[in-house]
Amino acid sequence: MQGKEMSEQETQKCSAGIDVSKSTLDAHVLPGSHTLSVANTRVGIGKLKRWLLRLNPKLVVVEATGKWHRELCRSLTASQIAVAITDPYRVRMFAKAQGIFAKTDRLDARVLAMFAAVMAPSCRPATPKALEVMQELVTARASAVAEETGLKNQLAAAATNILKRQLIVRIAQLAVHIKALERECLKQIKADEALARRFAVLTSIPGVGPIVATTLIACLSEIGSLTSKQIAALAGLAPIADDSGERKGVRVIWGGRAAVRRALYLAALSAANYNSDMRAFHRRLVANGKAPKSALLAVARKLAVLANTLIAQDRPWQSTAPQHA
């Protein structure tokens, strides 16, 4: 293996990594070099699961890969195998820190097993199918909106009549498509009691409309179960320090979930005008010298924390916070 070897204590932790692709699953279990490659099908998953149960790893790490890891993770979780789904970027940085620059499916599986042993990422329950459907719908809507925006910009710059007519038709078709996706999102929410309750709590917050609430439900399923700092970081709205020695760098936001950050920023634009508490908070920041955009990001962060609190307490927003005995 290239680079720094793991310590003896680390290699004694029985852990597994599974590299997932559309067609295959490559697994590696440490300590030792137990490997297995199977098809990414129900039959292959069953074979892989029986193999893992014999080796009994304490933790299995899988990278998030769109939809290709979902059935595998649900199956492993159903068999009481601890599974952690992790960010591919984080694993790639870990590999480079270990001096591993090559990339193959089998090597990636080994790196994931090392990552499980050293980093011990936390396990979360597999995403319910209803929520996976919501995530696909929300992602599809975001893509359609981005395409619509691009076509509108193209229309504004177009000078040829035939091009203008074609663009107008395509924009109209996209508008219909977007509305259909929004209706389907609301239909999915109404069909699930838990999701419907979350939707009602979120939309009770002035500034948080149906689209923002739907995005939070689909893309921030952990809301209500984390601390204020954790939810802000997950939403990509936590200021990151950039200090070294006597230098005090400017705090910036980085990482997190881009779709959630965009939705909360749009909510902040509305809340800064129509939510009395957020409006006062925004004006106070601007009066104290905060840049307007930075002030809006602070409002977005405050909205994320507020939504997290209300979901945790399972209560709608009230203009006056309830008094507890």
Protein backbone atom coordinates (compact mmCIF):
# COMPACT_ATOMS: atom_id res chain seq x y z
CA MET A 1 0.00 0.00 0.00
CA GLN A 2 1.23 3.50 -0.77
CA GLY A 3 1.86 6.06 1.93
CA LYS A 4 1.47 5.79 5.69
CA GLU A 5 0.34 2.44 7.09
CA MET A 6 -2.36 2.40 9.75
CA SER A 7 -1.34 1.59 13.30
CA GLU A 8 -1.73 -1.95 14.69
CA GLN A 9 -4.53 -0.75 16.97
CA GLU A 10 -6.43 0.73 14.04
CA THR A 11 -6.08 -2.38 11.88
CA GLN A 12 -7.56 -4.53 14.66
CA LYS A 13 -10.90 -2.76 14.22
CA CYS A 14 -12.97 -5.02 11.99
CA SER A 15 -14.41 -2.65 9.42
CA ALA A 16 -15.60 -2.84 5.85
CA GLY A 17 -15.80 -0.56 2.85
CA ILE A 18 -18.02 -1.05 -0.18
CA ASP A 19 -17.38 0.78 -3.42
CA VAL A 20 -20.68 1.13 -5.27
CA SER A 21 -21.20 1.58 -8.99
CA LYS A 22 -24.23 1.10 -11.21
CA SER A 23 -23.31 -2.50 -12.05
CA THR A 24 -20.96 -3.79 -9.32
CA LEU A 25 -20.26 -3.76 -5.60
CA ASP A 26 -16.62 -4.14 -4.50
CA ALA A 27 -16.11 -4.87 -0.80
CA HIS A 28 -13.02 -4.98 1.41
CA VAL A 29 -12.88 -6.01 5.08
CA LEU A 30 -10.06 -5.17 7.49
CA PRO A 31 -8.00 -6.49 9.24
CA GLY A 32 -6.62 -8.77 6.61
CA SER A 33 -7.50 -8.47 2.96
CA HIS A 34 -10.91 -10.05 2.59
CA THR A 35 -12.38 -8.94 -0.72
CA LEU A 36 -15.50 -9.68 -2.71
CA SER A 37 -16.97 -8.32 -5.93
CA VAL A 38 -20.62 -8.92 -6.82
CA ALA A 39 -23.23 -7.52 -9.16
CA ASN A 40 -25.28 -4.58 -7.86
CA THR A 41 -28.49 -6.59 -7.95
CA ARG A 42 -30.71 -8.16 -5.30
CA VAL A 43 -28.95 -11.49 -5.77
CA GLY A 44 -25.53 -9.83 -5.53
CA ILE A 45 -26.55 -7.84 -2.45
CA GLY A 46 -27.78 -11.04 -0.79
CA LYS A 47 -24.45 -12.77 -1.47
CA LEU A 48 -22.50 -9.76 -0.17
CA LYS A 49 -24.64 -9.54 2.94
CA ARG A 50 -24.10 -13.21 3.84
CA TRP A 51 -20.35 -12.72 3.35
CA LEU A 52 -20.34 -9.69 5.64
CA LEU A 53 -22.36 -11.46 8.33
CA ARG A 54 -19.70 -14.21 8.46
CA LEU A 55 -16.89 -11.67 8.87
CA ASN A 56 -18.97 -9.51 11.26
CA PRO A 57 -17.48 -6.02 10.70
CA LYS A 58 -18.37 -3.46 13.34
CA LEU A 59 -18.96 -0.77 10.73
CA VAL A 60 -19.52 -0.68 6.97
CA VAL A 61 -18.84 2.56 5.08
CA VAL A 62 -20.46 3.35 1.74
CA GLU A 63 -20.09 6.51 -0.34
CA ALA A 64 -23.19 8.41 -1.39
CA THR A 65 -23.66 7.62 -5.10
CA GLY A 66 -26.97 9.05 -6.21
CA LYS A 67 -29.41 6.14 -6.13
CA TRP A 68 -27.06 3.19 -6.66
CA HIS A 69 -26.26 2.64 -2.95
CA ARG A 70 -29.82 2.90 -1.63
CA GLU A 71 -31.07 -0.68 -1.93
CA LEU A 72 -27.74 -2.00 -0.59
CA CYS A 73 -27.90 0.23 2.50
CA ARG A 74 -31.55 -0.61 3.21
CA SER A 75 -30.78 -4.32 2.97
CA LEU A 76 -27.72 -4.11 5.24
CA THR A 77 -29.60 -2.03 7.81
CA ALA A 78 -32.48 -4.52 7.80
CA SER A 79 -29.96 -7.24 8.75
CA GLN A 80 -28.67 -5.16 11.69
CA ILE A 81 -25.36 -4.34 9.96
CA ALA A 82 -24.12 -0.87 10.95
CA VAL A 83 -23.81 1.28 7.82
CA ALA A 84 -22.46 4.82 7.49
CA ILE A 85 -23.04 6.75 4.26
CA THR A 86 -20.30 9.31 3.77
CA ASP A 87 -19.32 12.15 1.45
CA PRO A 88 -17.06 10.99 -1.43
CA TYR A 89 -15.02 14.22 -1.19
CA ARG A 90 -14.21 13.52 2.46
CA VAL A 91 -13.06 9.99 1.64
CA ARG A 92 -10.92 11.25 -1.26
CA MET A 93 -9.17 13.74 1.03
CA PHE A 94 -8.59 10.92 3.53
CA ALA A 95 -7.01 8.77 0.79
CA LYS A 96 -4.66 11.59 -0.20
CA ALA A 97 -3.71 12.11 3.45
CA GLN A 98 -2.75 8.42 3.53
CA GLY A 99 -0.61 8.91 0.41
CA ILE A 100 -3.02 6.98 -1.82
CA PHE A 101 -3.47 8.76 -5.14
CA ALA A 102 -4.41 5.84 -7.39
CA LYS A 103 -8.10 5.10 -7.89
CA THR A 104 -9.70 1.78 -8.76
CA ASP A 105 -12.89 0.17 -7.50
CA ARG A 106 -11.02 -2.39 -5.38
CA LEU A 107 -8.62 0.20 -4.00
CA ASP A 108 -11.52 2.53 -3.22
CA ALA A 109 -13.17 -0.27 -1.23
CA ARG A 110 -9.98 -0.69 0.81
CA VAL A 111 -9.78 3.07 1.41
CA LEU A 112 -13.39 3.05 2.62
CA ALA A 113 -12.57 0.22 5.04
CA MET A 114 -9.59 2.24 6.35
CA PHE A 115 -11.82 5.30 6.63
CA ALA A 116 -14.30 3.26 8.70
CA ALA A 117 -11.56 2.06 11.06
CA VAL A 118 -9.87 5.44 11.55
CA MET A 119 -12.67 7.99 11.26
CA ALA A 120 -15.60 5.91 12.58
CA PRO A 121 -18.32 8.00 10.88
CA SER A 122 -21.71 8.00 12.55
CA CYS A 123 -24.49 5.72 11.33
CA ARG A 124 -27.90 7.04 10.41
CA PRO A 125 -31.06 5.12 9.54
CA ALA A 126 -31.58 4.39 5.86
CA THR A 127 -33.60 7.06 4.07
CA PRO A 128 -37.27 5.99 3.76
CA LYS A 129 -38.48 5.43 0.21
CA ALA A 130 -41.04 8.23 0.54
CA LEU A 131 -38.23 10.68 1.29
CA GLU A 132 -36.11 9.37 -1.58
CA VAL A 133 -39.01 10.08 -3.94
CA MET A 134 -39.23 13.61 -2.53
CA GLN A 135 -35.51 14.16 -3.03
CA GLU A 136 -35.73 13.12 -6.69
CA LEU A 137 -38.69 15.43 -7.28
CA VAL A 138 -37.03 18.39 -5.56
CA THR A 139 -33.79 17.82 -7.50
CA ALA A 140 -35.73 17.57 -10.78
CA ARG A 141 -37.56 20.82 -10.02
CA ALA A 142 -34.31 22.62 -9.19
CA SER A 143 -32.80 21.46 -12.50
CA ALA A 144 -35.89 22.62 -14.40
CA VAL A 145 -35.82 26.03 -12.70
CA ALA A 146 -32.13 26.42 -13.55
CA GLU A 147 -32.88 25.54 -17.18
CA GLU A 148 -35.80 27.98 -17.23
CA THR A 149 -33.56 30.76 -15.90
CA GLY A 150 -30.96 30.04 -18.58
CA LEU A 151 -33.59 30.15 -21.34
CA LYS A 152 -35.00 33.43 -20.03
CA ASN A 153 -31.52 34.94 -20.07
CA GLN A 154 -31.05 33.66 -23.62
CA LEU A 155 -34.41 35.13 -24.64
CA ALA A 156 -33.43 38.53 -23.23
CA ALA A 157 -30.30 38.53 -25.43
CA ALA A 158 -31.90 37.01 -28.54
CA ALA A 159 -32.35 39.16 -31.64
CA THR A 160 -33.69 36.59 -34.13
CA ASN A 161 -37.48 36.23 -34.25
CA ILE A 162 -37.51 32.47 -34.85
CA LEU A 163 -35.19 31.92 -31.90
CA LYS A 164 -37.36 34.13 -29.71
CA ARG A 165 -40.47 32.12 -30.63
CA GLN A 166 -38.76 28.81 -29.90
CA LEU A 167 -37.45 30.06 -26.58
CA ILE A 168 -40.89 31.33 -25.56
CA VAL A 169 -42.40 27.91 -26.33
CA ARG A 170 -39.69 26.06 -24.38
CA ILE A 171 -40.04 28.39 -21.39
CA ALA A 172 -43.80 27.82 -21.36
CA GLN A 173 -43.30 24.05 -21.49
CA LEU A 174 -40.82 24.20 -18.62
CA ALA A 175 -43.25 26.28 -16.54
CA VAL A 176 -45.87 23.55 -16.95
CA HIS A 177 -43.28 20.90 -16.05
CA ILE A 178 -42.22 22.80 -12.91
CA LYS A 179 -45.81 23.22 -11.74
CA ALA A 180 -46.44 19.50 -12.24
CA LEU A 181 -43.41 18.63 -10.11
CA GLU A 182 -44.56 21.02 -7.39
CA ARG A 183 -48.02 19.42 -7.35
CA GLU A 184 -46.48 15.97 -7.09
CA CYS A 185 -44.28 17.10 -4.18
CA LEU A 186 -47.33 18.36 -2.29
CA LYS A 187 -49.17 15.13 -3.11
CA GLN A 188 -46.33 13.05 -1.65
CA ILE A 189 -46.26 15.20 1.48
CA LYS A 190 -50.02 14.97 2.05
CA ALA A 191 -49.85 11.17 1.66
CA ASP A 192 -47.41 10.86 4.59
CA GLU A 193 -48.62 11.99 8.01
CA ALA A 194 -45.14 12.71 9.39
CA LEU A 195 -44.10 14.73 6.33
CA ALA A 196 -47.40 16.62 6.35
CA ARG A 197 -46.82 17.61 9.99
CA ARG A 198 -43.31 18.87 9.19
CA PHE A 199 -44.66 20.81 6.24
CA ALA A 200 -47.29 22.48 8.44
CA VAL A 201 -44.69 23.46 11.06
CA LEU A 202 -42.25 24.85 8.50
CA THR A 203 -44.80 26.84 6.50
CA SER A 204 -46.05 28.44 9.71
CA ILE A 205 -42.78 30.45 9.81
CA PRO A 206 -43.23 33.82 8.05
CA GLY A 207 -40.95 33.80 5.01
CA VAL A 208 -40.93 30.02 4.58
CA GLY A 209 -43.18 29.11 1.67
CA PRO A 210 -44.17 25.73 0.22
CA ILE A 211 -41.10 25.41 -2.04
CA VAL A 212 -38.63 26.18 0.76
CA ALA A 213 -40.48 23.86 3.15
CA THR A 214 -40.48 21.06 0.57
CA THR A 215 -36.75 21.50 0.00
CA LEU A 216 -36.02 21.35 3.73
CA ILE A 217 -38.14 18.22 4.14
CA ALA A 218 -36.46 16.45 1.23
CA CYS A 219 -32.86 17.63 1.57
CA LEU A 220 -32.50 18.20 5.32
CA SER A 221 -34.14 15.14 6.84
CA GLU A 222 -31.99 15.51 9.99
CA ILE A 223 -33.79 18.73 10.92
CA GLY A 224 -35.16 18.58 14.44
CA SER A 225 -32.59 16.04 15.63
CA LEU A 226 -29.43 18.18 15.65
CA THR A 227 -28.04 21.07 17.68
CA SER A 228 -28.22 24.64 16.41
CA LYS A 229 -24.55 24.60 15.40
CA GLN A 230 -24.91 21.24 13.64
CA ILE A 231 -27.96 22.27 11.63
CA ALA A 232 -26.28 25.54 10.58
CA ALA A 233 -23.19 23.63 9.42
CA LEU A 234 -25.27 21.03 7.56
CA ALA A 235 -27.17 23.81 5.81
CA GLY A 236 -23.86 25.38 4.75
CA LEU A 237 -24.56 28.55 6.76
CA ALA A 238 -22.05 28.27 9.60
CA PRO A 239 -19.19 30.84 9.47
CA ILE A 240 -15.83 29.10 9.11
CA ALA A 241 -12.83 30.60 10.91
CA ASP A 242 -9.73 31.47 8.85
CA ASP A 243 -7.15 32.59 11.44
CA SER A 244 -3.42 31.99 11.56
CA GLY A 245 -1.08 33.54 14.11
CA GLU A 246 -1.91 37.22 14.42
CA ARG A 247 -3.96 37.22 11.22
CA LYS A 248 -7.72 37.21 11.71
CA GLY A 249 -9.26 36.15 8.43
CA VAL A 250 -12.76 36.90 7.22
CA ARG A 251 -15.31 34.29 8.26
CA VAL A 252 -16.91 32.62 5.26
CA ILE A 253 -19.55 29.94 4.76
CA TRP A 254 -18.41 26.75 3.05
CA GLY A 255 -19.61 23.20 2.57
CA GLY A 256 -23.00 21.94 3.65
CA ARG A 257 -25.90 21.23 1.31
CA ALA A 258 -26.12 23.73 -1.50
CA ALA A 259 -29.82 23.13 -2.23
CA VAL A 260 -30.71 23.82 1.40
CA ARG A 261 -28.56 26.95 1.52
CA ARG A 262 -30.19 28.32 -1.65
CA ALA A 263 -33.68 27.65 -0.31
CA LEU A 264 -32.97 29.29 3.04
CA TYR A 265 -31.38 32.31 1.34
CA LEU A 266 -34.57 32.81 -0.69
CA ALA A 267 -36.57 32.45 2.53
CA ALA A 268 -34.32 35.05 4.17
CA LEU A 269 -35.10 37.54 1.38
CA SER A 270 -38.79 37.16 2.19
CA ALA A 271 -38.38 36.99 5.98
CA ALA A 272 -36.29 40.17 6.04
CA ASN A 273 -39.39 41.98 4.73
CA TYR A 274 -42.36 40.10 6.19
CA ASN A 275 -41.15 38.51 9.45
CA SER A 276 -41.01 41.24 12.11
CA ASP A 277 -38.35 39.49 14.21
CA MET A 278 -36.13 38.71 11.22
CA ARG A 279 -36.65 42.19 9.77
CA ALA A 280 -35.49 43.79 13.03
CA PHE A 281 -32.54 41.37 13.21
CA HIS A 282 -31.53 42.15 9.60
CA ARG A 283 -31.78 45.91 10.06
CA ARG A 284 -29.74 45.76 13.25
CA LEU A 285 -26.94 43.87 11.51
CA VAL A 286 -26.87 46.30 8.57
CA ALA A 287 -26.91 49.29 10.95
CA ASN A 288 -23.89 47.80 12.73
CA GLY A 289 -21.93 47.70 9.48
CA LYS A 290 -22.66 44.19 8.25
CA ALA A 291 -22.70 43.84 4.46
CA PRO A 292 -26.28 43.39 3.16
CA LYS A 293 -25.62 39.92 1.74
CA SER A 294 -23.85 38.79 4.92
CA ALA A 295 -26.81 40.06 6.91
CA LEU A 296 -29.17 38.00 4.74
CA LEU A 297 -27.02 34.91 5.27
CA ALA A 298 -27.26 35.54 9.02
CA VAL A 299 -31.06 35.67 8.66
CA ALA A 300 -30.95 32.40 6.68
CA ARG A 301 -28.90 30.80 9.46
CA LYS A 302 -31.37 32.07 12.07
CA LEU A 303 -34.25 30.59 10.03
CA ALA A 304 -32.47 27.21 9.91
CA VAL A 305 -32.02 27.23 13.68
CA LEU A 306 -35.64 28.32 14.20
CA ALA A 307 -36.97 25.59 11.91
CA ASN A 308 -34.80 23.02 13.68
CA THR A 309 -36.17 24.09 17.07
CA LEU A 310 -39.81 24.05 15.96
CA ILE A 311 -39.51 20.60 14.37
CA ALA A 312 -37.80 19.29 17.52
CA GLN A 313 -40.60 20.70 19.67
CA ASP A 314 -43.27 19.67 17.12
CA ARG A 315 -45.06 23.01 17.26
CA PRO A 316 -45.87 25.76 14.77
CA TRP A 317 -44.28 29.20 14.84
CA GLN A 318 -45.90 31.74 17.17
CA SER A 319 -45.36 35.48 17.20
CA THR A 320 -44.72 35.20 20.95
CA ALA A 321 -42.65 32.27 22.21
CA PRO A 322 -44.66 30.04 24.60
CA GLN A 323 -43.89 30.34 28.29
CA HIS A 324 -42.90 27.10 29.98
CA ALA A 325 -43.79 26.46 33.58
